[in-house]
Amino acid sequence: MTQHLTIVDHPLVQHKLTLMREKETSTAVFRQLLREISQLLAYEVTRELPMTPREIETPLQKMDAPVLAGRKLALISILRAGNGLLDGMLELIPSARVGFVGLYRDEETLQPVKYYFKVPENLAERLVIVVDPMLATGNSSAAAVQMLKDAGATNIRFLCLLAAPEGVARMKEAHPDVPVVTASLDERLNEKGYILPGLGDAGDRMFGTR
């Protein structure tokens, strides 16, 4: 991936995103839509995975067929809302290694505070895909990516459902080498750092909390 921001405008992605935005959408439906849309986004973020030929035998003959090359990729969820994207992607890529970064946002400073970090080994040899539904201020996302770089990761992509211009700019400033893939670039952030028009708090809507 060469461009910093990719917006996945596939009709199925946009349709499901509209249903997720609606405030009347139930927790169960929201959760199911998130799982479905994550698989569609996963197709885009993994589009350029390296391949290598392997000899196999079909019912009719032998052939050289393409398979994924290198170490299993790593999916890194930014807790807790990232788990909604993670679950759907694991159905598509069940062999992926999984890690978790726990960050919460200080509501006064809007700065990220780390409380958990557990990631797979050999990150330097893996494609690392960081997942979090919302790229809002970009502070938590940039901090999580920096932690992964400090742990050895060199090939990182960031996958989110919604992005704000402020978050995209923050990520580009902090990590110009990390492509961002999203379903929508929304208008702006409000005074509390929430994306507008957005869909509310993704974690609360996914888990039925407030």
N, C-alpha and C. Protein backbone atom coordinates (compact mmCIF):
# COMPACT_ATOMS: atom_id res chain seq x y z
N MET A 1 0.84 -1.19 0.00
CA MET A 1 0.00 0.00 0.00
C MET A 1 0.89 1.25 0.00
N THR A 2 0.61 2.17 -0.92
CA THR A 2 1.44 3.35 -1.03
C THR A 2 0.74 4.60 -0.49
N GLN A 3 -0.56 4.74 -0.71
CA GLN A 3 -1.24 5.94 -0.23
C GLN A 3 -1.54 5.82 1.25
N HIS A 4 -1.57 6.97 1.92
CA HIS A 4 -1.73 6.96 3.37
C HIS A 4 -3.16 6.64 3.78
N LEU A 5 -4.14 7.12 3.02
CA LEU A 5 -5.55 6.91 3.38
C LEU A 5 -6.29 6.23 2.25
N THR A 6 -6.95 5.11 2.56
CA THR A 6 -7.80 4.40 1.61
C THR A 6 -9.21 4.35 2.18
N ILE A 7 -10.19 4.87 1.43
CA ILE A 7 -11.59 4.82 1.84
C ILE A 7 -12.26 3.72 1.02
N VAL A 8 -12.79 2.71 1.71
CA VAL A 8 -13.43 1.58 1.05
C VAL A 8 -14.87 1.96 0.73
N ASP A 9 -15.14 2.27 -0.54
CA ASP A 9 -16.46 2.77 -0.92
C ASP A 9 -17.34 1.68 -1.53
N HIS A 10 -17.03 0.42 -1.27
CA HIS A 10 -17.86 -0.67 -1.80
C HIS A 10 -19.31 -0.50 -1.32
N PRO A 11 -20.29 -0.73 -2.18
CA PRO A 11 -21.68 -0.53 -1.79
C PRO A 11 -22.11 -1.31 -0.55
N LEU A 12 -21.66 -2.55 -0.38
CA LEU A 12 -22.04 -3.32 0.80
C LEU A 12 -21.47 -2.70 2.08
N VAL A 13 -20.24 -2.20 1.99
CA VAL A 13 -19.63 -1.53 3.14
C VAL A 13 -20.43 -0.30 3.52
N GLN A 14 -20.76 0.52 2.53
CA GLN A 14 -21.46 1.77 2.80
C GLN A 14 -22.88 1.51 3.32
N HIS A 15 -23.55 0.51 2.79
CA HIS A 15 -24.90 0.17 3.24
C HIS A 15 -24.89 -0.27 4.71
N LYS A 16 -23.96 -1.15 5.03
CA LYS A 16 -23.89 -1.65 6.42
C LYS A 16 -23.49 -0.54 7.38
N LEU A 17 -22.61 0.35 6.93
CA LEU A 17 -22.21 1.46 7.77
C LEU A 17 -23.38 2.38 8.07
N THR A 18 -24.23 2.62 7.08
CA THR A 18 -25.42 3.45 7.30
C THR A 18 -26.32 2.84 8.37
N LEU A 19 -26.52 1.53 8.31
CA LEU A 19 -27.35 0.86 9.32
C LEU A 19 -26.72 0.97 10.70
N MET A 20 -25.39 0.92 10.77
CA MET A 20 -24.71 1.03 12.06
C MET A 20 -24.81 2.45 12.63
N ARG A 21 -24.85 3.44 11.76
CA ARG A 21 -24.93 4.83 12.23
C ARG A 21 -26.28 5.12 12.90
N GLU A 22 -27.34 4.49 12.43
CA GLU A 22 -28.69 4.81 12.95
C GLU A 22 -28.77 4.54 14.44
N LYS A 23 -29.27 5.51 15.19
CA LYS A 23 -29.29 5.39 16.66
C LYS A 23 -30.25 4.32 17.14
N GLU A 24 -31.24 3.95 16.33
CA GLU A 24 -32.22 2.95 16.74
C GLU A 24 -31.73 1.51 16.51
N THR A 25 -30.59 1.34 15.87
CA THR A 25 -30.06 0.00 15.63
C THR A 25 -29.70 -0.66 16.95
N SER A 26 -30.19 -1.87 17.16
CA SER A 26 -30.00 -2.56 18.44
C SER A 26 -28.55 -3.02 18.62
N THR A 27 -28.21 -3.35 19.86
CA THR A 27 -26.87 -3.84 20.16
C THR A 27 -26.56 -5.10 19.36
N ALA A 28 -27.51 -6.03 19.31
CA ALA A 28 -27.29 -7.29 18.61
C ALA A 28 -27.05 -7.06 17.12
N VAL A 29 -27.85 -6.19 16.51
CA VAL A 29 -27.70 -5.91 15.08
C VAL A 29 -26.42 -5.15 14.83
N PHE A 30 -26.10 -4.20 15.69
CA PHE A 30 -24.86 -3.44 15.56
C PHE A 30 -23.65 -4.36 15.58
N ARG A 31 -23.67 -5.30 16.51
CA ARG A 31 -22.57 -6.24 16.66
C ARG A 31 -22.43 -7.12 15.42
N GLN A 32 -23.55 -7.58 14.88
CA GLN A 32 -23.52 -8.41 13.69
C GLN A 32 -23.02 -7.63 12.47
N LEU A 33 -23.48 -6.39 12.35
CA LEU A 33 -23.05 -5.55 11.23
C LEU A 33 -21.55 -5.26 11.32
N LEU A 34 -21.05 -5.04 12.53
CA LEU A 34 -19.63 -4.79 12.70
C LEU A 34 -18.80 -6.00 12.28
N ARG A 35 -19.29 -7.18 12.63
CA ARG A 35 -18.60 -8.41 12.24
C ARG A 35 -18.58 -8.54 10.70
N GLU A 36 -19.70 -8.25 10.07
CA GLU A 36 -19.79 -8.36 8.61
C GLU A 36 -18.92 -7.33 7.91
N ILE A 37 -18.99 -6.10 8.37
CA ILE A 37 -18.24 -5.04 7.70
C ILE A 37 -16.74 -5.22 7.90
N SER A 38 -16.36 -5.81 9.02
CA SER A 38 -14.93 -6.03 9.28
C SER A 38 -14.34 -7.01 8.26
N GLN A 39 -15.12 -7.99 7.86
CA GLN A 39 -14.64 -8.94 6.86
C GLN A 39 -14.47 -8.28 5.50
N LEU A 40 -15.40 -7.39 5.16
CA LEU A 40 -15.29 -6.67 3.89
C LEU A 40 -14.08 -5.73 3.90
N LEU A 41 -13.84 -5.06 5.02
CA LEU A 41 -12.68 -4.19 5.13
C LEU A 41 -11.38 -5.00 5.11
N ALA A 42 -11.45 -6.21 5.68
CA ALA A 42 -10.26 -7.06 5.72
C ALA A 42 -9.78 -7.40 4.31
N TYR A 43 -10.71 -7.55 3.37
CA TYR A 43 -10.31 -7.82 1.99
C TYR A 43 -9.40 -6.71 1.47
N GLU A 44 -9.75 -5.47 1.79
CA GLU A 44 -8.98 -4.34 1.28
C GLU A 44 -7.63 -4.22 1.96
N VAL A 45 -7.59 -4.36 3.28
CA VAL A 45 -6.34 -4.13 4.02
C VAL A 45 -5.33 -5.25 3.77
N THR A 46 -5.81 -6.42 3.32
CA THR A 46 -4.91 -7.54 3.03
C THR A 46 -4.68 -7.75 1.54
N ARG A 47 -5.08 -6.78 0.74
CA ARG A 47 -5.06 -6.94 -0.72
C ARG A 47 -3.68 -7.29 -1.25
N GLU A 48 -2.62 -6.76 -0.66
CA GLU A 48 -1.28 -6.93 -1.21
C GLU A 48 -0.42 -7.88 -0.39
N LEU A 49 -1.04 -8.87 0.24
CA LEU A 49 -0.26 -9.87 0.97
C LEU A 49 0.64 -10.64 0.00
N PRO A 50 1.88 -10.92 0.39
CA PRO A 50 2.78 -11.66 -0.50
C PRO A 50 2.33 -13.11 -0.68
N MET A 51 2.53 -13.62 -1.90
CA MET A 51 2.14 -14.99 -2.23
C MET A 51 3.37 -15.78 -2.69
N THR A 52 3.25 -17.10 -2.59
CA THR A 52 4.30 -17.97 -3.10
C THR A 52 3.63 -19.23 -3.66
N PRO A 53 4.22 -19.85 -4.70
CA PRO A 53 3.60 -21.05 -5.28
C PRO A 53 3.88 -22.30 -4.44
N ARG A 54 2.92 -23.20 -4.41
CA ARG A 54 3.09 -24.48 -3.73
C ARG A 54 2.47 -25.57 -4.61
N GLU A 55 3.18 -26.69 -4.72
CA GLU A 55 2.64 -27.77 -5.54
C GLU A 55 1.54 -28.49 -4.78
N ILE A 56 0.38 -28.61 -5.38
CA ILE A 56 -0.74 -29.34 -4.79
C ILE A 56 -1.27 -30.32 -5.84
N GLU A 57 -2.16 -31.17 -5.42
CA GLU A 57 -2.77 -32.11 -6.36
C GLU A 57 -4.28 -31.96 -6.29
N THR A 58 -4.88 -31.55 -7.39
CA THR A 58 -6.34 -31.48 -7.47
C THR A 58 -6.87 -32.89 -7.76
N PRO A 59 -8.17 -33.10 -7.78
CA PRO A 59 -8.70 -34.41 -8.16
C PRO A 59 -8.31 -34.85 -9.57
N LEU A 60 -7.80 -33.89 -10.37
CA LEU A 60 -7.48 -34.21 -11.76
C LEU A 60 -5.99 -34.21 -12.07
N GLN A 61 -5.22 -33.33 -11.42
CA GLN A 61 -3.80 -33.28 -11.74
C GLN A 61 -3.05 -32.45 -10.71
N LYS A 62 -1.71 -32.48 -10.81
CA LYS A 62 -0.86 -31.63 -9.98
C LYS A 62 -0.79 -30.24 -10.59
N MET A 63 -0.56 -29.25 -9.72
CA MET A 63 -0.41 -27.87 -10.20
C MET A 63 0.36 -27.06 -9.17
N ASP A 64 0.94 -25.97 -9.61
CA ASP A 64 1.52 -24.98 -8.70
C ASP A 64 0.45 -23.93 -8.43
N ALA A 65 0.06 -23.80 -7.15
CA ALA A 65 -1.02 -22.89 -6.78
C ALA A 65 -0.52 -21.88 -5.74
N PRO A 66 -1.07 -20.66 -5.74
CA PRO A 66 -0.58 -19.63 -4.82
C PRO A 66 -1.09 -19.82 -3.39
N VAL A 67 -0.19 -19.62 -2.43
CA VAL A 67 -0.55 -19.60 -1.02
C VAL A 67 0.15 -18.40 -0.39
N LEU A 68 -0.31 -18.00 0.80
CA LEU A 68 0.29 -16.86 1.50
C LEU A 68 1.74 -17.19 1.87
N ALA A 69 2.61 -16.21 1.72
CA ALA A 69 4.03 -16.39 2.01
C ALA A 69 4.39 -15.77 3.35
N GLY A 70 5.47 -16.26 3.93
CA GLY A 70 6.01 -15.66 5.14
C GLY A 70 5.25 -16.06 6.40
N ARG A 71 5.59 -15.38 7.50
CA ARG A 71 4.96 -15.66 8.78
C ARG A 71 3.49 -15.24 8.78
N LYS A 72 2.71 -15.87 9.66
CA LYS A 72 1.31 -15.49 9.81
C LYS A 72 1.23 -14.02 10.21
N LEU A 73 0.26 -13.31 9.64
CA LEU A 73 0.15 -11.90 9.98
C LEU A 73 -0.37 -11.74 11.41
N ALA A 74 -0.20 -10.55 11.96
CA ALA A 74 -0.62 -10.26 13.32
C ALA A 74 -1.75 -9.23 13.31
N LEU A 75 -2.83 -9.56 13.99
CA LEU A 75 -3.94 -8.62 14.18
C LEU A 75 -3.84 -8.07 15.60
N ILE A 76 -3.78 -6.75 15.72
CA ILE A 76 -3.64 -6.12 17.02
C ILE A 76 -4.89 -5.29 17.31
N SER A 77 -5.61 -5.67 18.34
CA SER A 77 -6.84 -4.96 18.71
C SER A 77 -6.54 -3.90 19.76
N ILE A 78 -7.00 -2.68 19.51
CA ILE A 78 -6.95 -1.64 20.54
C ILE A 78 -8.22 -1.81 21.37
N LEU A 79 -8.03 -2.23 22.62
CA LEU A 79 -9.17 -2.53 23.49
C LEU A 79 -9.97 -1.26 23.80
N ARG A 80 -11.29 -1.43 23.98
CA ARG A 80 -12.01 -2.68 23.90
C ARG A 80 -12.75 -2.81 22.58
N ALA A 81 -13.04 -1.66 21.96
CA ALA A 81 -13.88 -1.66 20.77
C ALA A 81 -13.22 -2.36 19.59
N GLY A 82 -11.89 -2.43 19.58
CA GLY A 82 -11.20 -3.10 18.48
C GLY A 82 -11.58 -4.55 18.34
N ASN A 83 -12.05 -5.15 19.45
CA ASN A 83 -12.41 -6.57 19.40
C ASN A 83 -13.56 -6.85 18.45
N GLY A 84 -14.40 -5.88 18.21
CA GLY A 84 -15.50 -6.07 17.26
C GLY A 84 -15.00 -6.28 15.85
N LEU A 85 -14.00 -5.52 15.45
CA LEU A 85 -13.38 -5.72 14.14
C LEU A 85 -12.55 -7.00 14.13
N LEU A 86 -11.87 -7.25 15.23
CA LEU A 86 -11.00 -8.43 15.34
C LEU A 86 -11.79 -9.72 15.13
N ASP A 87 -12.94 -9.86 15.75
CA ASP A 87 -13.72 -11.09 15.66
C ASP A 87 -14.07 -11.44 14.23
N GLY A 88 -14.51 -10.46 13.47
CA GLY A 88 -14.87 -10.71 12.09
C GLY A 88 -13.67 -11.06 11.23
N MET A 89 -12.56 -10.38 11.47
CA MET A 89 -11.36 -10.64 10.68
C MET A 89 -10.80 -12.03 10.96
N LEU A 90 -10.92 -12.49 12.20
CA LEU A 90 -10.41 -13.83 12.53
C LEU A 90 -11.20 -14.93 11.84
N GLU A 91 -12.46 -14.68 11.54
CA GLU A 91 -13.23 -15.66 10.77
C GLU A 91 -12.66 -15.79 9.36
N LEU A 92 -12.14 -14.68 8.85
CA LEU A 92 -11.57 -14.68 7.50
C LEU A 92 -10.13 -15.16 7.51
N ILE A 93 -9.39 -14.84 8.58
CA ILE A 93 -7.97 -15.17 8.67
C ILE A 93 -7.73 -15.91 9.99
N PRO A 94 -8.24 -17.14 10.12
CA PRO A 94 -8.20 -17.83 11.42
C PRO A 94 -6.79 -18.17 11.92
N SER A 95 -5.80 -18.17 11.01
CA SER A 95 -4.44 -18.52 11.43
C SER A 95 -3.65 -17.31 11.93
N ALA A 96 -4.24 -16.13 11.87
CA ALA A 96 -3.51 -14.92 12.28
C ALA A 96 -3.16 -14.98 13.75
N ARG A 97 -2.02 -14.39 14.09
CA ARG A 97 -1.65 -14.21 15.49
C ARG A 97 -2.35 -12.95 16.00
N VAL A 98 -2.63 -12.92 17.31
CA VAL A 98 -3.45 -11.84 17.85
C VAL A 98 -2.76 -11.18 19.03
N GLY A 99 -2.83 -9.87 19.08
CA GLY A 99 -2.32 -9.11 20.21
C GLY A 99 -3.32 -8.06 20.66
N PHE A 100 -3.08 -7.49 21.83
CA PHE A 100 -4.00 -6.51 22.40
C PHE A 100 -3.22 -5.33 22.99
N VAL A 101 -3.72 -4.14 22.72
CA VAL A 101 -3.18 -2.92 23.33
C VAL A 101 -4.32 -2.26 24.09
N GLY A 102 -4.13 -2.10 25.39
CA GLY A 102 -5.15 -1.47 26.23
C GLY A 102 -4.81 -0.02 26.49
N LEU A 103 -5.64 0.88 25.97
CA LEU A 103 -5.47 2.32 26.17
C LEU A 103 -6.81 2.93 26.56
N TYR A 104 -6.78 3.88 27.45
CA TYR A 104 -7.99 4.66 27.67
C TYR A 104 -7.65 6.14 27.52
N ARG A 105 -8.64 6.91 27.17
CA ARG A 105 -8.42 8.32 26.91
C ARG A 105 -8.74 9.14 28.14
N ASP A 106 -7.78 9.92 28.59
CA ASP A 106 -8.02 10.86 29.68
C ASP A 106 -9.00 11.92 29.17
N GLU A 107 -10.16 11.99 29.80
CA GLU A 107 -11.23 12.85 29.28
C GLU A 107 -10.89 14.34 29.36
N GLU A 108 -9.94 14.71 30.18
CA GLU A 108 -9.56 16.12 30.27
C GLU A 108 -8.50 16.49 29.24
N THR A 109 -7.47 15.65 29.14
CA THR A 109 -6.37 15.97 28.22
C THR A 109 -6.55 15.34 26.85
N LEU A 110 -7.45 14.35 26.74
CA LEU A 110 -7.66 13.55 25.52
C LEU A 110 -6.43 12.75 25.14
N GLN A 111 -5.48 12.60 26.06
CA GLN A 111 -4.27 11.84 25.80
C GLN A 111 -4.44 10.37 26.21
N PRO A 112 -3.79 9.44 25.52
CA PRO A 112 -3.93 8.02 25.83
C PRO A 112 -3.11 7.60 27.04
N VAL A 113 -3.69 6.69 27.82
CA VAL A 113 -3.01 6.11 28.97
C VAL A 113 -2.99 4.59 28.80
N LYS A 114 -1.81 3.97 28.86
CA LYS A 114 -1.68 2.53 28.63
C LYS A 114 -1.99 1.75 29.91
N TYR A 115 -2.78 0.66 29.75
CA TYR A 115 -3.01 -0.23 30.89
C TYR A 115 -2.77 -1.70 30.55
N TYR A 116 -2.57 -2.03 29.25
CA TYR A 116 -2.33 -3.43 28.87
C TYR A 116 -1.60 -3.48 27.53
N PHE A 117 -0.64 -4.43 27.40
CA PHE A 117 0.09 -4.59 26.15
C PHE A 117 0.60 -6.02 26.06
N LYS A 118 0.04 -6.80 25.12
CA LYS A 118 0.44 -8.20 24.93
C LYS A 118 0.34 -8.49 23.43
N VAL A 119 1.50 -8.76 22.80
CA VAL A 119 1.52 -8.93 21.35
C VAL A 119 2.32 -10.17 20.97
N PRO A 120 2.13 -10.69 19.75
CA PRO A 120 2.86 -11.88 19.31
C PRO A 120 4.36 -11.62 19.18
N GLU A 121 5.12 -12.70 19.11
CA GLU A 121 6.56 -12.61 18.90
C GLU A 121 6.86 -12.34 17.43
N ASN A 122 8.10 -11.96 17.17
CA ASN A 122 8.61 -11.77 15.80
C ASN A 122 7.78 -10.77 14.99
N LEU A 123 7.41 -9.66 15.60
CA LEU A 123 6.61 -8.67 14.87
C LEU A 123 7.35 -8.13 13.66
N ALA A 124 8.67 -8.09 13.72
CA ALA A 124 9.45 -7.56 12.61
C ALA A 124 9.28 -8.39 11.34
N GLU A 125 8.86 -9.65 11.49
CA GLU A 125 8.72 -10.54 10.34
C GLU A 125 7.26 -10.72 9.92
N ARG A 126 6.37 -9.94 10.49
CA ARG A 126 4.94 -10.09 10.19
C ARG A 126 4.35 -8.78 9.66
N LEU A 127 3.32 -8.92 8.82
CA LEU A 127 2.45 -7.79 8.55
C LEU A 127 1.58 -7.61 9.79
N VAL A 128 1.57 -6.39 10.33
CA VAL A 128 0.81 -6.09 11.54
C VAL A 128 -0.36 -5.18 11.17
N ILE A 129 -1.58 -5.65 11.46
CA ILE A 129 -2.78 -4.85 11.18
C ILE A 129 -3.40 -4.45 12.51
N VAL A 130 -3.43 -3.15 12.77
CA VAL A 130 -4.00 -2.61 14.00
C VAL A 130 -5.46 -2.28 13.73
N VAL A 131 -6.36 -2.73 14.61
CA VAL A 131 -7.79 -2.51 14.38
C VAL A 131 -8.42 -1.74 15.54
N ASP A 132 -9.20 -0.73 15.19
CA ASP A 132 -9.95 0.08 16.15
C ASP A 132 -11.06 0.75 15.35
N PRO A 133 -12.33 0.63 15.75
CA PRO A 133 -13.41 1.18 14.93
C PRO A 133 -13.30 2.67 14.65
N MET A 134 -12.77 3.45 15.59
CA MET A 134 -12.78 4.90 15.44
C MET A 134 -11.37 5.49 15.44
N LEU A 135 -11.05 6.28 14.42
CA LEU A 135 -9.84 7.09 14.41
C LEU A 135 -10.29 8.53 14.62
N ALA A 136 -10.33 8.94 15.89
CA ALA A 136 -10.89 10.25 16.24
C ALA A 136 -9.79 11.30 16.35
N THR A 137 -9.27 11.54 17.56
CA THR A 137 -8.15 12.49 17.69
C THR A 137 -6.88 11.90 17.09
N GLY A 138 -6.79 10.59 17.08
CA GLY A 138 -5.59 9.92 16.57
C GLY A 138 -4.52 9.73 17.63
N ASN A 139 -4.74 10.28 18.83
CA ASN A 139 -3.70 10.19 19.86
C ASN A 139 -3.50 8.75 20.33
N SER A 140 -4.59 8.04 20.62
CA SER A 140 -4.47 6.65 21.07
C SER A 140 -3.91 5.77 19.96
N SER A 141 -4.39 5.98 18.75
CA SER A 141 -3.92 5.16 17.62
C SER A 141 -2.44 5.37 17.38
N ALA A 142 -1.99 6.63 17.40
CA ALA A 142 -0.58 6.92 17.19
C ALA A 142 0.27 6.32 18.30
N ALA A 143 -0.24 6.38 19.54
CA ALA A 143 0.49 5.81 20.67
C ALA A 143 0.60 4.30 20.54
N ALA A 144 -0.51 3.65 20.13
CA ALA A 144 -0.50 2.19 19.97
C ALA A 144 0.48 1.77 18.89
N VAL A 145 0.49 2.48 17.77
CA VAL A 145 1.42 2.16 16.68
C VAL A 145 2.86 2.33 17.14
N GLN A 146 3.12 3.38 17.92
CA GLN A 146 4.48 3.59 18.42
C GLN A 146 4.91 2.45 19.34
N MET A 147 4.00 1.96 20.18
CA MET A 147 4.32 0.82 21.05
C MET A 147 4.67 -0.41 20.21
N LEU A 148 3.95 -0.61 19.11
CA LEU A 148 4.22 -1.76 18.25
C LEU A 148 5.56 -1.61 17.54
N LYS A 149 5.88 -0.39 17.11
CA LYS A 149 7.19 -0.17 16.51
C LYS A 149 8.29 -0.43 17.53
N ASP A 150 8.06 0.02 18.76
CA ASP A 150 9.06 -0.22 19.81
C ASP A 150 9.23 -1.71 20.08
N ALA A 151 8.16 -2.50 19.80
CA ALA A 151 8.22 -3.95 20.00
C ALA A 151 8.78 -4.67 18.77
N GLY A 152 9.17 -3.92 17.73
CA GLY A 152 9.82 -4.51 16.58
C GLY A 152 9.07 -4.45 15.26
N ALA A 153 7.81 -4.06 15.28
CA ALA A 153 7.01 -4.06 14.05
C ALA A 153 7.55 -3.02 13.06
N THR A 154 7.62 -3.40 11.80
CA THR A 154 8.09 -2.49 10.75
C THR A 154 7.09 -2.35 9.60
N ASN A 155 6.17 -3.32 9.46
CA ASN A 155 5.18 -3.30 8.38
C ASN A 155 3.80 -3.26 9.02
N ILE A 156 3.25 -2.06 9.19
CA ILE A 156 2.02 -1.86 9.96
C ILE A 156 0.96 -1.20 9.08
N ARG A 157 -0.27 -1.65 9.24
CA ARG A 157 -1.43 -0.99 8.62
C ARG A 157 -2.48 -0.77 9.69
N PHE A 158 -3.25 0.30 9.54
CA PHE A 158 -4.27 0.65 10.53
C PHE A 158 -5.64 0.55 9.87
N LEU A 159 -6.53 -0.22 10.48
CA LEU A 159 -7.87 -0.43 9.95
C LEU A 159 -8.91 0.11 10.91
N CYS A 160 -9.79 0.98 10.41
CA CYS A 160 -10.86 1.53 11.26
C CYS A 160 -12.15 1.63 10.46
N LEU A 161 -13.23 1.79 11.19
CA LEU A 161 -14.55 1.92 10.58
C LEU A 161 -14.80 3.36 10.14
N LEU A 162 -14.51 4.29 11.03
CA LEU A 162 -14.69 5.72 10.76
C LEU A 162 -13.41 6.46 11.10
N ALA A 163 -13.14 7.52 10.35
CA ALA A 163 -11.99 8.37 10.64
C ALA A 163 -12.43 9.83 10.58
N ALA A 164 -11.84 10.64 11.44
CA ALA A 164 -12.01 12.09 11.39
C ALA A 164 -10.77 12.70 10.73
N PRO A 165 -10.93 13.83 10.04
CA PRO A 165 -9.77 14.46 9.41
C PRO A 165 -8.64 14.73 10.40
N GLU A 166 -9.01 15.09 11.64
CA GLU A 166 -7.99 15.36 12.66
C GLU A 166 -7.18 14.11 12.98
N GLY A 167 -7.86 12.96 13.05
CA GLY A 167 -7.17 11.72 13.36
C GLY A 167 -6.26 11.27 12.24
N VAL A 168 -6.74 11.42 10.99
CA VAL A 168 -5.92 11.06 9.84
C VAL A 168 -4.67 11.92 9.78
N ALA A 169 -4.83 13.22 10.05
CA ALA A 169 -3.68 14.13 10.03
C ALA A 169 -2.69 13.78 11.14
N ARG A 170 -3.21 13.43 12.32
CA ARG A 170 -2.33 13.08 13.45
C ARG A 170 -1.54 11.82 13.13
N MET A 171 -2.21 10.82 12.54
CA MET A 171 -1.52 9.58 12.18
C MET A 171 -0.48 9.82 11.09
N LYS A 172 -0.81 10.65 10.11
CA LYS A 172 0.13 10.92 9.03
C LYS A 172 1.36 11.65 9.56
N GLU A 173 1.13 12.54 10.52
CA GLU A 173 2.24 13.29 11.12
C GLU A 173 3.14 12.36 11.93
N ALA A 174 2.51 11.48 12.74
CA ALA A 174 3.28 10.62 13.64
C ALA A 174 3.85 9.39 12.92
N HIS A 175 3.07 8.84 11.97
CA HIS A 175 3.47 7.59 11.32
C HIS A 175 3.14 7.64 9.82
N PRO A 176 3.88 8.42 9.06
CA PRO A 176 3.60 8.53 7.61
C PRO A 176 3.78 7.22 6.86
N ASP A 177 4.46 6.25 7.50
CA ASP A 177 4.70 4.96 6.87
C ASP A 177 3.58 3.95 7.13
N VAL A 178 2.54 4.34 7.85
CA VAL A 178 1.46 3.42 8.21
C VAL A 178 0.19 3.79 7.44
N PRO A 179 -0.20 2.98 6.43
CA PRO A 179 -1.44 3.26 5.69
C PRO A 179 -2.67 3.09 6.59
N VAL A 180 -3.67 3.94 6.35
CA VAL A 180 -4.93 3.89 7.07
C VAL A 180 -6.02 3.45 6.09
N VAL A 181 -6.78 2.42 6.47
CA VAL A 181 -7.90 1.94 5.66
C VAL A 181 -9.17 2.15 6.47
N THR A 182 -10.19 2.80 5.89
CA THR A 182 -11.42 3.10 6.61
C THR A 182 -12.62 3.01 5.68
N ALA A 183 -13.81 2.92 6.27
CA ALA A 183 -15.04 2.91 5.48
C ALA A 183 -15.54 4.32 5.21
N SER A 184 -15.11 5.29 6.03
CA SER A 184 -15.61 6.65 5.85
C SER A 184 -14.69 7.67 6.49
N LEU A 185 -14.45 8.77 5.80
CA LEU A 185 -13.82 9.94 6.38
C LEU A 185 -14.92 10.93 6.71
N ASP A 186 -15.24 11.04 8.00
CA ASP A 186 -16.35 11.89 8.43
C ASP A 186 -15.94 13.36 8.48
N GLU A 187 -16.86 14.21 8.97
CA GLU A 187 -16.67 15.66 8.84
C GLU A 187 -15.64 16.23 9.80
N ARG A 188 -15.79 15.92 11.11
CA ARG A 188 -14.95 16.59 12.10
C ARG A 188 -15.16 15.95 13.46
N LEU A 189 -14.43 16.46 14.45
CA LEU A 189 -14.62 16.08 15.85
C LEU A 189 -15.42 17.15 16.57
N ASN A 190 -16.21 16.72 17.58
CA ASN A 190 -16.86 17.72 18.42
C ASN A 190 -15.93 18.11 19.56
N GLU A 191 -16.42 18.94 20.47
CA GLU A 191 -15.56 19.46 21.54
C GLU A 191 -15.12 18.38 22.52
N LYS A 192 -15.79 17.23 22.51
CA LYS A 192 -15.41 16.13 23.39
C LYS A 192 -14.54 15.09 22.68
N GLY A 193 -14.19 15.35 21.42
CA GLY A 193 -13.33 14.43 20.69
C GLY A 193 -14.06 13.28 20.04
N TYR A 194 -15.39 13.40 19.87
CA TYR A 194 -16.16 12.36 19.19
C TYR A 194 -16.34 12.73 17.72
N ILE A 195 -16.35 11.70 16.87
CA ILE A 195 -16.48 11.91 15.43
C ILE A 195 -17.91 12.31 15.08
N LEU A 196 -18.04 13.35 14.22
CA LEU A 196 -19.33 13.78 13.70
C LEU A 196 -19.36 13.58 12.18
N PRO A 197 -20.47 13.08 11.58
CA PRO A 197 -21.69 12.63 12.28
C PRO A 197 -21.51 11.35 13.06
N GLY A 198 -20.55 10.53 12.67
CA GLY A 198 -20.18 9.37 13.47
C GLY A 198 -21.28 8.36 13.69
N LEU A 199 -21.12 7.58 14.78
CA LEU A 199 -22.14 6.60 15.16
C LEU A 199 -22.20 6.43 16.68
N GLY A 200 -21.67 7.42 17.39
CA GLY A 200 -21.64 7.33 18.85
C GLY A 200 -20.39 6.61 19.32
N ASP A 201 -20.43 6.07 20.52
CA ASP A 201 -19.32 5.32 21.07
C ASP A 201 -19.42 3.87 20.61
N ALA A 202 -18.47 3.44 19.79
CA ALA A 202 -18.55 2.10 19.19
C ALA A 202 -18.53 1.01 20.26
N GLY A 203 -17.71 1.17 21.29
CA GLY A 203 -17.65 0.18 22.36
C GLY A 203 -18.96 0.06 23.10
N ASP A 204 -19.55 1.19 23.45
CA ASP A 204 -20.84 1.17 24.16
C ASP A 204 -21.93 0.54 23.31
N ARG A 205 -21.95 0.86 22.03
CA ARG A 205 -22.99 0.31 21.18
C ARG A 205 -22.79 -1.18 20.91
N MET A 206 -21.53 -1.62 20.90
CA MET A 206 -21.25 -3.02 20.66
C MET A 206 -21.55 -3.88 21.89
N PHE A 207 -21.24 -3.34 23.07
CA PHE A 207 -21.38 -4.12 24.29
C PHE A 207 -22.64 -3.78 25.10
N GLY A 208 -23.41 -2.79 24.64
CA GLY A 208 -24.63 -2.44 25.33
C GLY A 208 -24.39 -1.72 26.65
N THR A 209 -23.30 -0.95 26.72
CA THR A 209 -22.97 -0.20 27.93
C THR A 209 -23.11 1.29 27.64
N ARG A 210 -22.95 2.08 28.69
CA ARG A 210 -23.00 3.54 28.52
C ARG A 210 -21.89 4.19 29.31
